[in-house]
Amino acid sequence: MNTGAEAPAAASAPDHRTDPAATMSYVYAVGRAGTALDTAADRLAGLEDGPLRTVTSEGLAALVSSVPAGAYGEAGIRARLEDLTELAALARTHHAVVEAAYAGTTVLPMRLATVYLDDARVRAMLEERDTDFTEALGWLEGHVELGVKVYADPREAAAAPPPVAEPPTAEGPAPAALSPGRAYLRQRRQERRHHRDAYRAAGGVAGAVPDRVAGLVRARVAHRPQQGELASAAGENIANEAYLVAVDRVEDFHRALAGLADGLPGVRVEITGPWAPYSFATVPTAGGRA
């Protein structure tokens, strides 16, 4: 199945306009035409603080705002996506619009930087994908996305007090009784042990999450663990998953994972959301949905 979320990320046409006042149509999300989406359009602002509007076709509507053609054409949007500051600003506005719209009605989030030449092209896109969009909206109805991240943090594990039952002499003589060389080797052994134990325990927790929430979720997506600038939390993210959960089962989901990392120094479980279902707006083309 091909939904709007699979549309090309960059603008749909080359920069051939020379009129500085020319605009294009930026699409944030697709939903069912009606009062809920119209209301969202009336109360939200889009990129460049532009007003939102809905572009409709039959029973569907796209949430759209006009953007400068020079800045959001193919070359402009490519430059924007390569600039982290510009990209962050674009993402914040895009996601803010989608989340606010999703709070009032089910919408399919469109991929970041989905731009069409004009509203007529947006309408044609809705007509072309009517069946896919309608089916996907029905599948997501009444559901939200929850994220689950599992972290391993050997430094936190090293800082934790030893288990009460562990003999104080488990690592041999007290550090003060050791030569500097032996003390260093002992410290290195402890660091390796904490590192190994933290990652092993985190792996076990990550593996237990799907079983804990089985029966509460409609679908699951395993994303690549966050690294680099995306990984702002302490420790290393070793599991990064998204779950599609019915609104009335969100509390059950939290309860199912409560205490999962208790008693495991250096292991942390983070649940995020609820979010608009970005991870599930692209529907599998084969094998059906989970």
Foldseek 3Di string as FASTA:
>chain_A
DDDLQPPDQAEPDALPDPPQPAKWKWFFWKDFDDDLQQVLQQPAAAPVRFGWHWQDDVGMTTIIGIDGCVLRHRVNVVVQCVDVVSVVVQVVRSQVSVFSSVVRAAIQGHHRSYIYRYSVVVNVSCVVCVVVRVVLSVVQGQKFKKKKWKFFALVQLLPDDDDPPDDPCPLHDDLVPDDPVVSVVSVVVSSVVSNVQRVVLSVVLLVCLCVLCPVFFFAKDWDCWDDDPRPPDHGGTPTMMMTIGRPVCPVVSCVSSPPSCPPRGRMDMDMDDRGRPNVPSGFDPPDGGD
